[in-house]
């Protein structure tokens, strides 16, 4: 279990996008820590990967520095037996699409994977995703 990753991610639970022209500075910091100009991006920009990058960087783990969720298939080690804090990559639209979602593993049931992530219903929270949308589980290494 990766306590540092989950502890770091939980400090952000409840952070939400702000509808309209105003941006939540907490969401913008996820882009800033990656080197993106948060002033040119907005909290309506897809930010699940920015959140996972911020957590990984803050906790001292390897990261992608990319905004696409599927970039997480390139870091860490693939695992078939996820532990709390491992990265979970899901497909969106269809398995071959470039689109996806990334978050941190909490637990799973027969049909659902529970993850803690950003941009889940426009906020940082724990959500359940269908297991059939799973692409990979990845275990991050310390930097």
N, C-alpha and C. Protein backbone atom coordinates (compact mmCIF):
# COMPACT_ATOMS: atom_id res chain seq x y z
N UNK A 1 0.84 -1.18 0.00
CA UNK A 1 0.00 0.00 0.00
C UNK A 1 0.88 1.24 0.00
N UNK A 2 0.50 2.23 -0.77
CA UNK A 2 1.27 3.45 -0.85
C UNK A 2 0.61 4.55 -0.04
N UNK A 3 0.99 4.63 1.22
CA UNK A 3 0.38 5.60 2.13
C UNK A 3 0.64 7.04 1.71
N UNK A 4 1.87 7.35 1.28
CA UNK A 4 2.23 8.74 0.95
C UNK A 4 1.37 9.27 -0.21
N UNK A 5 1.16 8.45 -1.23
CA UNK A 5 0.33 8.88 -2.36
C UNK A 5 -1.10 9.15 -1.90
N UNK A 6 -1.69 8.23 -1.18
CA UNK A 6 -3.08 8.40 -0.74
C UNK A 6 -3.21 9.56 0.24
N UNK A 7 -2.28 9.68 1.17
CA UNK A 7 -2.32 10.81 2.12
C UNK A 7 -2.27 12.14 1.38
N UNK A 8 -1.40 12.23 0.38
CA UNK A 8 -1.28 13.46 -0.40
C UNK A 8 -2.56 13.72 -1.18
N UNK A 9 -3.09 12.71 -1.84
CA UNK A 9 -4.32 12.87 -2.63
C UNK A 9 -5.50 13.27 -1.75
N UNK A 10 -5.59 12.68 -0.58
CA UNK A 10 -6.71 12.99 0.32
C UNK A 10 -6.71 14.43 0.81
N UNK A 11 -5.54 15.09 0.80
CA UNK A 11 -5.52 16.50 1.22
C UNK A 11 -6.31 17.37 0.24
N UNK A 12 -6.58 16.85 -0.94
CA UNK A 12 -7.28 17.62 -1.97
C UNK A 12 -8.75 17.23 -2.13
N UNK A 13 -9.19 16.23 -1.36
CA UNK A 13 -10.56 15.75 -1.50
C UNK A 13 -11.53 16.92 -1.35
N UNK A 14 -12.46 17.03 -2.29
CA UNK A 14 -13.46 18.09 -2.27
C UNK A 14 -13.10 19.30 -3.12
N UNK A 15 -11.86 19.38 -3.64
CA UNK A 15 -11.49 20.47 -4.54
C UNK A 15 -12.36 20.35 -5.79
N UNK A 16 -13.01 21.45 -6.19
CA UNK A 16 -13.95 21.43 -7.32
C UNK A 16 -13.62 22.51 -8.34
N UNK A 17 -14.06 22.27 -9.56
CA UNK A 17 -14.03 23.32 -10.58
C UNK A 17 -15.00 24.42 -10.17
N UNK A 18 -14.75 25.62 -10.64
CA UNK A 18 -15.68 26.72 -10.46
C UNK A 18 -16.31 26.99 -11.82
N UNK A 19 -17.63 26.93 -11.89
CA UNK A 19 -18.32 27.17 -13.15
C UNK A 19 -18.13 28.62 -13.59
N UNK A 20 -18.02 28.81 -14.90
CA UNK A 20 -17.89 30.16 -15.43
C UNK A 20 -16.46 30.56 -15.69
N UNK A 21 -16.23 31.88 -15.73
CA UNK A 21 -14.91 32.42 -16.09
C UNK A 21 -13.87 32.27 -14.99
N UNK A 22 -14.31 32.19 -13.75
CA UNK A 22 -13.37 32.07 -12.63
C UNK A 22 -12.82 30.64 -12.56
N UNK A 23 -11.55 30.50 -12.15
CA UNK A 23 -10.92 29.19 -12.01
C UNK A 23 -10.53 28.96 -10.56
N UNK A 24 -10.65 27.71 -10.12
CA UNK A 24 -10.23 27.36 -8.77
C UNK A 24 -8.70 27.31 -8.75
N UNK A 25 -8.04 28.13 -7.94
CA UNK A 25 -6.58 28.14 -7.91
C UNK A 25 -5.99 26.80 -7.47
N UNK A 26 -6.74 26.00 -6.73
CA UNK A 26 -6.25 24.67 -6.35
C UNK A 26 -6.11 23.77 -7.57
N UNK A 27 -7.06 23.85 -8.50
CA UNK A 27 -6.97 23.05 -9.73
C UNK A 27 -5.84 23.59 -10.60
N UNK A 28 -5.72 24.90 -10.70
CA UNK A 28 -4.67 25.52 -11.53
C UNK A 28 -3.28 25.11 -11.04
N UNK A 29 -3.11 24.93 -9.72
CA UNK A 29 -1.77 24.54 -9.21
C UNK A 29 -1.36 23.17 -9.73
N UNK A 30 -2.32 22.29 -10.06
CA UNK A 30 -1.97 20.98 -10.61
C UNK A 30 -1.25 21.15 -11.95
N UNK A 31 -1.72 22.10 -12.75
CA UNK A 31 -1.06 22.39 -14.04
C UNK A 31 0.29 23.07 -13.81
N UNK A 32 0.31 24.04 -12.89
CA UNK A 32 1.53 24.82 -12.64
C UNK A 32 2.70 23.95 -12.20
N UNK A 33 2.46 22.98 -11.32
CA UNK A 33 3.55 22.15 -10.81
C UNK A 33 4.16 21.29 -11.92
N UNK A 34 3.41 21.06 -12.98
CA UNK A 34 3.92 20.29 -14.12
C UNK A 34 4.67 21.17 -15.11
N UNK A 35 4.63 22.49 -14.90
CA UNK A 35 5.31 23.39 -15.82
C UNK A 35 4.41 23.99 -16.87
N UNK A 36 3.12 23.68 -16.82
CA UNK A 36 2.16 24.30 -17.74
C UNK A 36 1.78 25.65 -17.17
N UNK A 37 1.43 26.57 -18.02
CA UNK A 37 1.01 27.89 -17.57
C UNK A 37 -0.45 27.80 -17.15
N UNK A 38 -0.68 27.77 -15.86
CA UNK A 38 -2.04 27.68 -15.35
C UNK A 38 -2.91 28.84 -15.74
N UNK A 39 -2.30 29.96 -16.14
CA UNK A 39 -3.09 31.12 -16.57
C UNK A 39 -3.70 30.90 -17.95
N UNK A 40 -3.08 30.02 -18.76
CA UNK A 40 -3.62 29.76 -20.09
C UNK A 40 -4.54 28.53 -20.11
N UNK A 41 -4.51 27.74 -19.03
CA UNK A 41 -5.41 26.60 -18.91
C UNK A 41 -6.48 26.96 -17.89
N UNK A 42 -7.58 26.25 -17.93
CA UNK A 42 -8.68 26.56 -17.03
C UNK A 42 -9.11 25.31 -16.29
N UNK A 43 -9.87 25.50 -15.22
CA UNK A 43 -10.28 24.33 -14.44
C UNK A 43 -11.31 23.47 -15.17
N UNK A 44 -11.79 23.93 -16.33
CA UNK A 44 -12.64 23.08 -17.15
C UNK A 44 -11.81 22.22 -18.11
N UNK A 45 -10.49 22.50 -18.22
CA UNK A 45 -9.59 21.65 -18.99
C UNK A 45 -9.58 20.28 -18.32
N UNK A 46 -9.54 19.20 -19.10
CA UNK A 46 -9.47 17.86 -18.50
C UNK A 46 -8.25 17.81 -17.58
N UNK A 47 -8.47 17.54 -16.30
CA UNK A 47 -7.39 17.66 -15.32
C UNK A 47 -7.14 16.42 -14.49
N UNK A 48 -7.68 15.26 -14.89
CA UNK A 48 -7.42 14.05 -14.09
C UNK A 48 -5.94 13.71 -14.06
N UNK A 49 -5.25 13.80 -15.20
CA UNK A 49 -3.83 13.49 -15.24
C UNK A 49 -3.01 14.57 -14.54
N UNK A 50 -3.43 15.81 -14.63
CA UNK A 50 -2.73 16.89 -13.92
C UNK A 50 -2.79 16.62 -12.42
N UNK A 51 -3.93 16.17 -11.92
CA UNK A 51 -4.06 15.86 -10.50
C UNK A 51 -3.14 14.70 -10.11
N UNK A 52 -3.15 13.63 -10.88
CA UNK A 52 -2.30 12.47 -10.57
C UNK A 52 -0.83 12.87 -10.63
N UNK A 53 -0.44 13.71 -11.60
CA UNK A 53 0.93 14.22 -11.65
C UNK A 53 1.26 15.04 -10.41
N UNK A 54 0.36 15.94 -10.01
CA UNK A 54 0.61 16.77 -8.83
C UNK A 54 0.84 15.90 -7.59
N UNK A 55 -0.03 14.89 -7.41
CA UNK A 55 0.11 14.00 -6.26
C UNK A 55 1.45 13.27 -6.32
N UNK A 56 1.77 12.69 -7.48
CA UNK A 56 3.02 11.93 -7.62
C UNK A 56 4.24 12.82 -7.37
N UNK A 57 4.24 14.01 -7.93
CA UNK A 57 5.36 14.94 -7.74
C UNK A 57 5.48 15.33 -6.26
N UNK A 58 4.36 15.69 -5.66
CA UNK A 58 4.34 16.13 -4.26
C UNK A 58 4.78 15.01 -3.32
N UNK A 59 4.40 13.78 -3.63
CA UNK A 59 4.74 12.64 -2.78
C UNK A 59 6.12 12.06 -3.10
N UNK A 60 6.77 12.55 -4.17
CA UNK A 60 8.12 12.09 -4.50
C UNK A 60 8.18 10.85 -5.37
N UNK A 61 7.17 10.67 -6.23
CA UNK A 61 7.12 9.50 -7.11
C UNK A 61 7.27 9.91 -8.58
N UNK A 62 7.61 8.92 -9.40
CA UNK A 62 7.73 9.19 -10.83
C UNK A 62 6.38 9.65 -11.37
N UNK A 63 6.43 10.39 -12.47
CA UNK A 63 5.23 11.00 -13.04
C UNK A 63 5.42 11.16 -14.53
N UNK A 64 4.35 11.53 -15.23
CA UNK A 64 4.43 11.66 -16.69
C UNK A 64 4.67 13.09 -17.16
N UNK A 65 4.19 14.07 -16.40
CA UNK A 65 4.22 15.46 -16.82
C UNK A 65 3.40 15.68 -18.09
N UNK A 66 2.46 14.80 -18.35
CA UNK A 66 1.58 14.91 -19.52
C UNK A 66 0.13 14.98 -19.05
N UNK A 67 -0.69 15.61 -19.87
CA UNK A 67 -2.09 15.80 -19.51
C UNK A 67 -3.01 14.68 -19.98
N UNK A 68 -2.51 13.75 -20.80
CA UNK A 68 -3.37 12.67 -21.26
C UNK A 68 -3.29 11.48 -20.30
N UNK A 69 -4.44 10.95 -19.96
CA UNK A 69 -4.54 9.87 -18.97
C UNK A 69 -3.75 8.63 -19.38
N UNK A 70 -3.76 8.31 -20.66
CA UNK A 70 -3.09 7.09 -21.11
C UNK A 70 -1.56 7.18 -21.04
N UNK A 71 -1.02 8.37 -20.82
CA UNK A 71 0.43 8.50 -20.67
C UNK A 71 0.93 7.74 -19.44
N UNK A 72 0.03 7.45 -18.51
CA UNK A 72 0.40 6.74 -17.29
C UNK A 72 0.73 5.28 -17.54
N UNK A 73 0.45 4.79 -18.74
CA UNK A 73 0.83 3.41 -19.09
C UNK A 73 2.34 3.31 -19.31
N UNK A 74 3.04 4.46 -19.33
CA UNK A 74 4.47 4.49 -19.62
C UNK A 74 5.35 4.62 -18.37
N UNK A 75 4.77 4.75 -17.20
CA UNK A 75 5.58 4.89 -15.98
C UNK A 75 5.20 3.80 -14.98
N UNK A 76 6.10 3.55 -14.06
CA UNK A 76 5.84 2.54 -13.05
C UNK A 76 5.92 1.14 -13.61
N UNK A 77 5.37 0.23 -12.87
CA UNK A 77 5.38 -1.18 -13.23
C UNK A 77 3.96 -1.69 -13.30
N UNK A 78 3.64 -2.39 -14.38
CA UNK A 78 2.30 -2.96 -14.51
C UNK A 78 2.11 -4.01 -13.42
N UNK A 79 0.91 -4.04 -12.84
CA UNK A 79 0.60 -5.04 -11.83
C UNK A 79 -0.80 -5.59 -12.06
N UNK A 80 -0.97 -6.84 -11.73
CA UNK A 80 -2.29 -7.48 -11.83
C UNK A 80 -2.99 -7.49 -10.48
N UNK A 81 -2.24 -7.20 -9.41
CA UNK A 81 -2.80 -7.20 -8.05
C UNK A 81 -2.62 -5.81 -7.45
N UNK A 82 -3.55 -4.91 -7.75
CA UNK A 82 -3.38 -3.52 -7.28
C UNK A 82 -3.46 -3.39 -5.77
N UNK A 83 -2.72 -2.41 -5.28
CA UNK A 83 -2.76 -2.03 -3.88
C UNK A 83 -3.23 -0.59 -3.79
N UNK A 84 -3.70 -0.20 -2.62
CA UNK A 84 -4.14 1.18 -2.42
C UNK A 84 -3.01 2.13 -2.81
N UNK A 85 -3.33 3.10 -3.66
CA UNK A 85 -2.35 4.08 -4.11
C UNK A 85 -1.76 3.79 -5.48
N UNK A 86 -2.01 2.59 -6.02
CA UNK A 86 -1.54 2.31 -7.38
C UNK A 86 -2.35 3.15 -8.37
N UNK A 87 -1.78 3.39 -9.53
CA UNK A 87 -2.45 4.15 -10.57
C UNK A 87 -3.37 3.21 -11.36
N UNK A 88 -4.56 3.71 -11.68
CA UNK A 88 -5.52 2.96 -12.49
C UNK A 88 -5.80 3.78 -13.75
N UNK A 89 -5.67 3.13 -14.90
CA UNK A 89 -5.93 3.80 -16.18
C UNK A 89 -7.16 3.14 -16.81
N UNK A 90 -8.14 3.98 -17.14
CA UNK A 90 -9.37 3.52 -17.77
C UNK A 90 -9.46 4.04 -19.20
N UNK A 91 -10.18 3.34 -20.06
CA UNK A 91 -10.48 3.87 -21.39
C UNK A 91 -11.79 4.65 -21.32
N UNK A 92 -11.92 5.58 -22.26
CA UNK A 92 -13.15 6.36 -22.40
C UNK A 92 -13.55 6.32 -23.86
N UNK A 93 -14.81 6.31 -24.15
CA UNK A 93 -15.40 6.19 -25.49
C UNK A 93 -15.28 4.77 -26.01
N UNK A 94 -14.03 4.30 -26.22
CA UNK A 94 -13.80 2.90 -26.60
C UNK A 94 -12.36 2.54 -26.26
N UNK A 95 -12.04 1.25 -26.15
CA UNK A 95 -10.70 0.85 -25.71
C UNK A 95 -9.56 1.34 -26.60
N UNK A 96 -9.83 1.62 -27.87
CA UNK A 96 -8.78 2.05 -28.79
C UNK A 96 -8.67 3.58 -28.91
N UNK A 97 -9.60 4.29 -28.31
CA UNK A 97 -9.58 5.75 -28.34
C UNK A 97 -8.36 6.28 -27.60
N UNK A 98 -7.96 7.51 -27.90
CA UNK A 98 -6.85 8.15 -27.16
C UNK A 98 -7.34 8.64 -25.80
N UNK A 99 -8.65 8.68 -25.63
CA UNK A 99 -9.22 9.24 -24.40
C UNK A 99 -9.17 8.24 -23.25
N UNK A 100 -9.11 8.78 -22.04
CA UNK A 100 -9.09 7.92 -20.87
C UNK A 100 -9.31 8.69 -19.60
N UNK A 101 -9.13 7.98 -18.50
CA UNK A 101 -9.20 8.58 -17.17
C UNK A 101 -8.15 7.90 -16.32
N UNK A 102 -7.55 8.65 -15.40
CA UNK A 102 -6.53 8.10 -14.50
C UNK A 102 -6.81 8.56 -13.08
N UNK A 103 -6.58 7.65 -12.12
CA UNK A 103 -6.81 7.96 -10.71
C UNK A 103 -6.05 6.93 -9.88
N UNK A 104 -6.23 7.00 -8.56
CA UNK A 104 -5.53 6.11 -7.64
C UNK A 104 -6.47 5.03 -7.09
N UNK A 105 -5.98 3.81 -7.08
CA UNK A 105 -6.75 2.65 -6.63
C UNK A 105 -7.08 2.75 -5.15
N UNK A 106 -8.34 2.46 -4.82
CA UNK A 106 -8.80 2.36 -3.43
C UNK A 106 -9.19 0.90 -3.14
N UNK A 107 -10.13 0.39 -3.94
CA UNK A 107 -10.56 -1.01 -3.77
C UNK A 107 -11.36 -1.43 -5.00
N UNK A 108 -11.66 -2.74 -5.06
CA UNK A 108 -12.47 -3.22 -6.17
C UNK A 108 -13.47 -4.26 -5.69
N UNK A 109 -14.54 -4.38 -6.43
CA UNK A 109 -15.53 -5.44 -6.22
C UNK A 109 -15.57 -6.25 -7.51
N UNK A 110 -16.51 -7.12 -7.62
CA UNK A 110 -16.60 -7.96 -8.82
C UNK A 110 -16.71 -7.12 -10.10
N UNK A 111 -17.49 -6.05 -10.06
CA UNK A 111 -17.78 -5.27 -11.26
C UNK A 111 -17.28 -3.83 -11.24
N UNK A 112 -16.76 -3.37 -10.10
CA UNK A 112 -16.42 -1.95 -9.95
C UNK A 112 -15.02 -1.78 -9.40
N UNK A 113 -14.37 -0.68 -9.83
CA UNK A 113 -13.09 -0.26 -9.27
C UNK A 113 -13.31 1.12 -8.65
N UNK A 114 -12.99 1.24 -7.38
CA UNK A 114 -13.14 2.50 -6.66
C UNK A 114 -11.79 3.22 -6.67
N UNK A 115 -11.82 4.47 -7.13
CA UNK A 115 -10.58 5.24 -7.26
C UNK A 115 -10.76 6.63 -6.67
N UNK A 116 -9.64 7.16 -6.21
CA UNK A 116 -9.56 8.54 -5.73
C UNK A 116 -8.86 9.34 -6.82
N UNK A 117 -9.56 10.31 -7.38
CA UNK A 117 -8.97 11.06 -8.48
C UNK A 117 -9.55 12.44 -8.63
N UNK A 118 -8.94 13.19 -9.53
CA UNK A 118 -9.40 14.52 -9.86
C UNK A 118 -10.26 14.49 -11.10
N UNK A 119 -11.07 15.52 -11.25
CA UNK A 119 -11.97 15.65 -12.38
C UNK A 119 -12.95 14.49 -12.45
N UNK A 120 -13.34 14.00 -11.30
CA UNK A 120 -14.39 12.99 -11.19
C UNK A 120 -15.64 13.73 -10.78
N UNK A 121 -16.53 13.91 -11.72
CA UNK A 121 -17.70 14.77 -11.52
C UNK A 121 -17.23 16.18 -11.18
N UNK A 122 -16.15 16.62 -11.85
CA UNK A 122 -15.56 17.96 -11.73
C UNK A 122 -14.96 18.24 -10.35
N UNK A 123 -14.55 17.21 -9.64
CA UNK A 123 -13.94 17.41 -8.32
C UNK A 123 -13.01 16.26 -7.96
N UNK A 124 -12.29 16.44 -6.86
CA UNK A 124 -11.45 15.38 -6.31
C UNK A 124 -12.32 14.58 -5.36
N UNK A 125 -12.49 13.30 -5.66
CA UNK A 125 -13.34 12.46 -4.82
C UNK A 125 -13.09 10.99 -5.14
N UNK A 126 -13.70 10.13 -4.37
CA UNK A 126 -13.68 8.70 -4.64
C UNK A 126 -14.91 8.37 -5.46
N UNK A 127 -14.68 7.67 -6.58
CA UNK A 127 -15.77 7.28 -7.48
C UNK A 127 -15.58 5.82 -7.89
N UNK A 128 -16.67 5.20 -8.31
CA UNK A 128 -16.64 3.83 -8.82
C UNK A 128 -16.71 3.87 -10.34
N UNK A 129 -15.85 3.08 -10.99
CA UNK A 129 -15.85 2.95 -12.44
C UNK A 129 -16.04 1.48 -12.80
N UNK A 130 -16.73 1.21 -13.91
CA UNK A 130 -16.93 -0.18 -14.30
C UNK A 130 -15.59 -0.88 -14.58
N UNK A 131 -15.43 -2.06 -14.05
CA UNK A 131 -14.19 -2.83 -14.22
C UNK A 131 -13.92 -3.12 -15.69
N UNK A 132 -14.98 -3.21 -16.50
CA UNK A 132 -14.81 -3.51 -17.93
C UNK A 132 -14.07 -2.38 -18.66
N UNK A 133 -13.94 -1.19 -18.05
CA UNK A 133 -13.23 -0.06 -18.68
C UNK A 133 -11.75 0.00 -18.29
N UNK A 134 -11.28 -0.95 -17.50
CA UNK A 134 -9.89 -0.96 -17.05
C UNK A 134 -8.94 -1.21 -18.21
N UNK A 135 -7.90 -0.37 -18.29
CA UNK A 135 -6.79 -0.62 -19.21
C UNK A 135 -5.63 -1.28 -18.46
N UNK A 136 -5.19 -0.65 -17.36
CA UNK A 136 -4.06 -1.18 -16.60
C UNK A 136 -4.03 -0.64 -15.18
N UNK A 137 -3.39 -1.42 -14.32
CA UNK A 137 -2.97 -0.96 -13.00
C UNK A 137 -1.46 -0.75 -13.08
N UNK A 138 -0.94 0.33 -12.49
CA UNK A 138 0.50 0.61 -12.48
C UNK A 138 0.95 0.97 -11.06
N UNK A 139 2.10 0.47 -10.66
CA UNK A 139 2.69 0.79 -9.37
C UNK A 139 3.85 1.75 -9.61
N UNK A 140 3.79 2.94 -9.01
CA UNK A 140 4.82 3.96 -9.20
C UNK A 140 6.04 3.69 -8.33
N UNK A 141 7.18 4.16 -8.79
CA UNK A 141 8.43 4.06 -8.06
C UNK A 141 8.81 5.43 -7.52
N UNK A 142 9.51 5.44 -6.39
CA UNK A 142 10.05 6.69 -5.85
C UNK A 142 11.05 7.28 -6.82
N UNK A 143 11.13 8.62 -6.87
CA UNK A 143 12.13 9.24 -7.74
C UNK A 143 13.43 9.43 -7.00
